[in-house]
Amino acid sequence: MPFLSPWSALFLSTALLWLPATRPWALAPLAAAWAWGWADGLIDPVALAAPALLLLAAAWVRPASGATARAAGHALFLALAAALFLHLLPGFHNPQVIAPAPLSPGAVPFGMYLNLDKPLVAFWVVLALAPPMAGANARNTVAAASLALAAAMLACLGVALALGVVSWAPKWPDTGWIWLINNALLVTLAEEALFRGYVQQQLATRWQRHAWGGRAAVAVAAVLFGLAHYAGGWQWILLAGLAGVAYGAAYRYGGLAAAVLAHLGLNAAHFGLFTYPMRAVF
């Protein structure tokens, strides 16, 4: 991937989302990434329907809107989020930057695309709903992320080893750096924004009068996160569900930054130290 490309602008735009002072400027490099992608043939005009509909959903979910409009806005967003995550909307030609190949002996082939569609979900959640981006202070955020990462590594990697889904396979291929940048700035942010910043936050707010509300919101979001990994079979549903509990706890006490850090840490440990994404036979 060349240094100057639509992805340079997209990576910059997601980085700008994190700080309140830079967040208002995040849409400028995002628009530049889309314009650049259009010029490079990565986006067709029909793809503009996605951000247009997301803008409509954002307008409808504003507190000043009526209850019916807010419900319609949330329903529209959820439909769009599912379609964007599953790459079902037309007009996107996401480039493959890692050709499918086993990263270690006995692993299933792994390939990777850079996506212009899926990250839109993160922008919508952060800009339209403003979920907590961090804990009360940096110490709380780092502590929540560290504890969640430790728990996720013990539970998820331990169960994955016990089930034979992965094995010890330390490595760092030449493609590791683009994988890491993509995971840090696009993949984990989009997934945590949807499942923690949206699903968990909406449920926690709705159930805030109940003592069990926060824990139930973590559990429901974790179950949905697990089910989103159905393509890998019941083993991946279980493993992703366990990870989702850890990420949910990180979000509850350390905001979106803690959830993303825990998610990125587990993904990096999985990628660099174990069979990735999984063994071909288990």
Protein backbone atom coordinates (compact mmCIF):
# COMPACT_ATOMS: atom_id res chain seq x y z
CA MET A 1 0.00 0.00 0.00
CA PRO A 2 1.56 3.34 -1.01
CA PHE A 3 2.04 5.88 1.75
CA LEU A 4 -0.05 8.44 -0.16
CA SER A 5 -3.39 6.76 -0.85
CA PRO A 6 -7.05 7.00 0.19
CA TRP A 7 -6.10 4.90 3.22
CA SER A 8 -3.67 7.52 4.48
CA ALA A 9 -6.56 9.98 4.65
CA LEU A 10 -8.90 7.37 6.16
CA PHE A 11 -6.41 6.38 8.86
CA LEU A 12 -5.93 10.09 9.70
CA SER A 13 -9.67 10.65 9.93
CA THR A 14 -10.18 7.79 12.40
CA ALA A 15 -7.24 8.98 14.50
CA LEU A 16 -8.83 12.44 14.71
CA LEU A 17 -11.99 10.94 16.25
CA TRP A 18 -10.29 10.25 19.57
CA LEU A 19 -9.68 13.74 20.96
CA PRO A 20 -12.46 16.31 21.51
CA ALA A 21 -10.25 19.04 20.05
CA THR A 22 -9.64 17.16 16.78
CA ARG A 23 -12.98 15.33 16.44
CA PRO A 24 -14.74 18.15 14.52
CA TRP A 25 -12.04 17.88 11.85
CA ALA A 26 -12.37 14.12 11.33
CA LEU A 27 -14.87 14.40 8.49
CA ALA A 28 -12.48 16.43 6.31
CA PRO A 29 -9.93 13.63 5.72
CA LEU A 30 -12.81 11.13 5.53
CA ALA A 31 -14.30 13.14 2.66
CA ALA A 32 -10.84 13.33 1.08
CA ALA A 33 -10.48 9.54 1.39
CA TRP A 34 -13.81 9.02 -0.34
CA ALA A 35 -13.01 11.53 -3.11
CA TRP A 36 -9.61 9.88 -3.60
CA GLY A 37 -11.24 6.45 -3.63
CA TRP A 38 -13.74 7.63 -6.22
CA ALA A 39 -10.90 8.93 -8.42
CA ASP A 40 -9.09 5.58 -8.05
CA GLY A 41 -12.19 3.56 -8.93
CA LEU A 42 -12.73 2.19 -5.43
CA ILE A 43 -16.15 3.81 -5.04
CA ASP A 44 -19.06 4.06 -7.48
CA PRO A 45 -21.64 6.87 -7.27
CA VAL A 46 -24.23 4.48 -5.80
CA ALA A 47 -22.02 4.09 -2.71
CA LEU A 48 -22.88 7.68 -1.74
CA ALA A 49 -26.25 6.35 -0.61
CA ALA A 50 -24.56 4.93 2.51
CA PRO A 51 -23.31 8.22 4.02
CA ALA A 52 -26.48 9.98 2.87
CA LEU A 53 -28.68 7.50 4.74
CA LEU A 54 -26.40 7.65 7.77
CA LEU A 55 -26.81 11.43 7.83
CA LEU A 56 -30.57 10.94 7.72
CA ALA A 57 -30.38 8.47 10.62
CA ALA A 58 -28.25 10.94 12.59
CA ALA A 59 -30.83 13.68 12.06
CA TRP A 60 -33.64 11.42 13.24
CA VAL A 61 -31.93 10.24 16.45
CA ARG A 62 -31.34 13.75 17.79
CA PRO A 63 -32.91 14.29 21.24
CA ALA A 64 -35.09 17.05 19.77
CA SER A 65 -36.74 14.56 17.40
CA GLY A 66 -39.97 12.84 18.34
CA ALA A 67 -40.06 9.30 19.67
CA THR A 68 -41.19 7.89 16.31
CA ALA A 69 -38.41 9.65 14.42
CA ARG A 70 -35.80 8.49 16.94
CA ALA A 71 -36.97 4.89 16.67
CA ALA A 72 -36.85 5.12 12.88
CA GLY A 73 -33.35 6.59 13.03
CA HIS A 74 -32.05 3.80 15.22
CA ALA A 75 -33.70 1.16 13.03
CA LEU A 76 -32.19 2.72 9.91
CA PHE A 77 -28.75 2.84 11.51
CA LEU A 78 -28.89 -0.80 12.60
CA ALA A 79 -29.91 -1.91 9.11
CA LEU A 80 -27.11 0.13 7.56
CA ALA A 81 -24.55 -1.06 10.12
CA ALA A 82 -25.37 -4.70 9.38
CA ALA A 83 -25.14 -4.09 5.64
CA LEU A 84 -21.85 -2.19 5.96
CA PHE A 85 -20.29 -4.82 8.22
CA LEU A 86 -21.32 -7.59 5.82
CA HIS A 87 -20.25 -5.56 2.75
CA LEU A 88 -23.72 -5.88 1.23
CA LEU A 89 -24.14 -2.33 -0.05
CA PRO A 90 -23.24 -1.78 -3.71
CA GLY A 91 -20.61 0.57 -5.05
CA PHE A 92 -17.61 -0.41 -2.94
CA HIS A 93 -14.52 -2.05 -4.44
CA ASN A 94 -12.40 -2.66 -1.37
CA PRO A 95 -8.86 -3.65 -2.39
CA GLN A 96 -7.21 -6.84 -1.20
CA VAL A 97 -3.86 -5.95 0.37
CA ILE A 98 -2.92 -9.38 1.74
CA ALA A 99 -3.35 -12.31 -0.64
CA PRO A 100 -4.77 -15.47 0.96
CA ALA A 101 -1.99 -17.70 2.24
CA PRO A 102 -1.24 -19.65 5.45
CA LEU A 103 0.74 -17.54 7.90
CA SER A 104 2.09 -20.63 9.69
CA PRO A 105 2.11 -24.39 9.08
CA GLY A 106 -1.33 -25.93 9.48
CA ALA A 107 -3.19 -22.61 9.42
CA VAL A 108 -6.11 -21.80 7.15
CA PRO A 109 -5.19 -19.23 4.47
CA PHE A 110 -5.52 -15.62 5.61
CA GLY A 111 -6.17 -12.64 3.36
CA MET A 112 -7.16 -9.06 4.12
CA TYR A 113 -9.02 -6.20 2.48
CA LEU A 114 -8.94 -2.52 3.33
CA ASN A 115 -12.53 -1.38 3.67
CA LEU A 116 -14.10 1.99 2.99
CA ASP A 117 -17.60 0.86 4.00
CA LYS A 118 -17.28 -0.69 7.48
CA PRO A 119 -15.51 2.30 9.15
CA LEU A 120 -18.56 4.51 8.46
CA VAL A 121 -20.24 2.77 11.40
CA ALA A 122 -17.61 4.08 13.81
CA PHE A 123 -17.94 7.63 12.51
CA TRP A 124 -21.71 7.54 12.95
CA VAL A 125 -21.61 6.21 16.51
CA VAL A 126 -18.90 8.60 17.70
CA LEU A 127 -20.23 11.73 15.99
CA ALA A 128 -23.97 11.14 16.26
CA LEU A 129 -24.20 9.64 19.75
CA ALA A 130 -20.95 10.68 21.46
CA PRO A 131 -20.39 7.60 23.65
CA PRO A 132 -17.78 7.81 26.44
CA MET A 133 -14.44 7.75 24.65
CA ALA A 134 -12.34 7.17 27.78
CA GLY A 135 -12.57 6.69 31.52
CA ALA A 136 -12.60 9.37 34.19
CA ASN A 137 -8.86 9.77 33.65
CA ALA A 138 -6.01 8.17 31.72
CA ARG A 139 -5.14 5.89 34.63
CA ASN A 140 -8.65 4.44 34.73
CA THR A 141 -8.66 3.91 30.98
CA VAL A 142 -5.30 2.11 30.95
CA ALA A 143 -6.22 0.02 34.02
CA ALA A 144 -9.56 -1.04 32.49
CA ALA A 145 -7.89 -1.93 29.19
CA SER A 146 -5.05 -3.85 30.88
CA LEU A 147 -7.31 -5.90 33.14
CA ALA A 148 -9.70 -6.67 30.28
CA LEU A 149 -6.81 -7.68 28.02
CA ALA A 150 -5.34 -9.99 30.66
CA ALA A 151 -8.74 -11.62 31.25
CA ALA A 152 -9.42 -11.96 27.52
CA MET A 153 -6.02 -13.54 26.84
CA LEU A 154 -6.40 -16.05 29.66
CA ALA A 155 -9.98 -16.97 28.78
CA CYS A 156 -10.01 -16.76 24.99
CA LEU A 157 -6.55 -18.00 24.13
CA GLY A 158 -6.74 -20.63 26.88
CA VAL A 159 -10.05 -21.98 25.58
CA ALA A 160 -8.86 -21.74 21.96
CA LEU A 161 -5.78 -23.83 22.82
CA ALA A 162 -7.88 -26.33 24.76
CA LEU A 163 -10.28 -26.71 21.83
CA GLY A 164 -7.43 -27.03 19.34
CA VAL A 165 -8.61 -23.98 17.40
CA VAL A 166 -5.10 -22.48 17.57
CA SER A 167 -1.64 -23.64 18.51
CA TRP A 168 1.58 -21.89 19.51
CA ALA A 169 2.98 -20.29 16.35
CA PRO A 170 5.08 -17.14 16.99
CA LYS A 171 5.65 -15.09 13.82
CA TRP A 172 5.60 -11.61 12.34
CA PRO A 173 5.20 -11.67 8.55
CA ASP A 174 6.08 -8.75 6.30
CA THR A 175 2.37 -7.97 6.04
CA GLY A 176 2.08 -7.68 9.81
CA TRP A 177 2.43 -3.91 9.89
CA ILE A 178 -0.44 -3.15 7.50
CA TRP A 179 -2.50 -5.71 9.42
CA LEU A 180 -1.68 -3.91 12.70
CA ILE A 181 -2.48 -0.43 11.35
CA ASN A 182 -5.75 -1.66 9.86
CA ASN A 183 -6.71 -3.38 13.12
CA ALA A 184 -5.77 -0.42 15.28
CA LEU A 185 -7.45 2.33 13.28
CA LEU A 186 -10.31 0.63 11.43
CA VAL A 187 -11.29 -2.89 12.51
CA THR A 188 -11.31 -2.69 16.30
CA LEU A 189 -12.71 0.85 16.32
CA ALA A 190 -15.63 -0.06 14.04
CA GLU A 191 -16.47 -3.23 15.97
CA GLU A 192 -16.18 -1.68 19.41
CA ALA A 193 -18.12 1.40 18.34
CA LEU A 194 -21.02 -0.78 17.21
CA PHE A 195 -21.12 -3.42 19.94
CA ARG A 196 -19.97 -1.38 22.92
CA GLY A 197 -20.45 2.27 21.96
CA TYR A 198 -23.88 1.62 20.47
CA VAL A 199 -25.46 -1.65 21.64
CA GLN A 200 -24.05 -1.75 25.17
CA GLN A 201 -24.39 1.99 25.72
CA GLN A 202 -27.99 2.10 24.50
CA LEU A 203 -28.99 -0.84 26.69
CA ALA A 204 -27.12 0.49 29.74
CA THR A 205 -28.90 3.83 29.36
CA ARG A 206 -32.29 2.14 28.98
CA TRP A 207 -31.69 -0.10 32.02
CA GLN A 208 -29.85 2.43 34.18
CA ARG A 209 -32.55 2.40 36.88
CA HIS A 210 -31.92 -1.27 37.56
CA ALA A 211 -29.01 -2.55 39.61
CA TRP A 212 -28.42 -5.27 37.02
CA GLY A 213 -28.61 -2.88 34.04
CA GLY A 214 -24.90 -2.36 33.43
CA ARG A 215 -24.01 -6.04 33.72
CA ALA A 216 -26.93 -7.09 31.52
CA ALA A 217 -25.88 -4.59 28.84
CA VAL A 218 -22.36 -6.08 28.85
CA ALA A 219 -23.80 -9.59 28.53
CA VAL A 220 -26.23 -8.82 25.70
CA ALA A 221 -23.59 -6.97 23.68
CA ALA A 222 -21.15 -9.85 24.23
CA VAL A 223 -23.70 -12.43 23.04
CA LEU A 224 -24.41 -10.41 19.91
CA PHE A 225 -20.67 -9.98 19.31
CA GLY A 226 -20.25 -13.74 19.59
CA LEU A 227 -23.11 -14.41 17.19
CA ALA A 228 -21.53 -12.01 14.69
CA HIS A 229 -18.69 -14.54 14.40
CA TYR A 230 -21.03 -17.37 13.37
CA ALA A 231 -19.04 -18.03 10.18
CA GLY A 232 -16.29 -19.63 12.27
CA GLY A 233 -18.64 -22.13 13.88
CA TRP A 234 -19.68 -22.56 17.49
CA GLN A 235 -16.09 -22.35 18.67
CA TRP A 236 -15.71 -18.81 17.35
CA ILE A 237 -19.10 -17.78 18.71
CA LEU A 238 -17.94 -18.96 22.15
CA LEU A 239 -14.52 -17.33 21.91
CA ALA A 240 -15.86 -14.02 20.59
CA GLY A 241 -18.55 -14.03 23.28
CA LEU A 242 -15.93 -14.46 25.99
CA ALA A 243 -13.87 -11.67 24.47
CA GLY A 244 -16.98 -9.51 24.28
CA VAL A 245 -17.47 -9.78 28.04
CA ALA A 246 -13.93 -8.50 28.60
CA TYR A 247 -14.32 -5.68 26.07
CA GLY A 248 -17.66 -4.77 27.61
CA ALA A 249 -16.13 -4.51 31.07
CA ALA A 250 -13.32 -2.38 29.63
CA TYR A 251 -15.87 -0.07 28.03
CA ARG A 252 -17.96 0.17 31.18
CA TYR A 253 -15.04 1.38 33.27
CA GLY A 254 -12.68 2.89 30.72
CA GLY A 255 -14.74 4.03 27.76
CA LEU A 256 -14.35 3.18 24.10
CA ALA A 257 -10.57 3.65 24.21
CA ALA A 258 -10.21 0.89 26.80
CA ALA A 259 -12.39 -1.50 24.79
CA VAL A 260 -10.42 -0.81 21.60
CA LEU A 261 -7.07 -1.25 23.37
CA ALA A 262 -8.15 -4.57 24.89
CA HIS A 263 -9.52 -5.77 21.54
CA LEU A 264 -6.38 -4.71 19.69
CA GLY A 265 -4.14 -6.33 22.29
CA LEU A 266 -5.91 -9.68 22.05
CA ASN A 267 -5.93 -9.57 18.25
CA ALA A 268 -2.21 -8.73 18.19
CA ALA A 269 -1.35 -11.56 20.58
CA HIS A 270 -3.42 -13.97 18.50
CA PHE A 271 -1.82 -12.77 15.24
CA GLY A 272 1.77 -12.71 16.44
CA LEU A 273 1.95 -15.68 18.81
CA PHE A 274 -0.64 -18.25 17.75
CA THR A 275 -2.15 -19.83 14.65
CA TYR A 276 -3.93 -17.09 12.75
CA PRO A 277 -6.79 -17.05 12.13
CA MET A 278 -7.12 -20.74 13.12
CA ARG A 279 -5.85 -24.22 12.44
CA ALA A 280 -7.07 -25.85 9.25
CA VAL A 281 -8.02 -29.02 11.13
CA PHE A 282 -9.16 -29.14 14.77
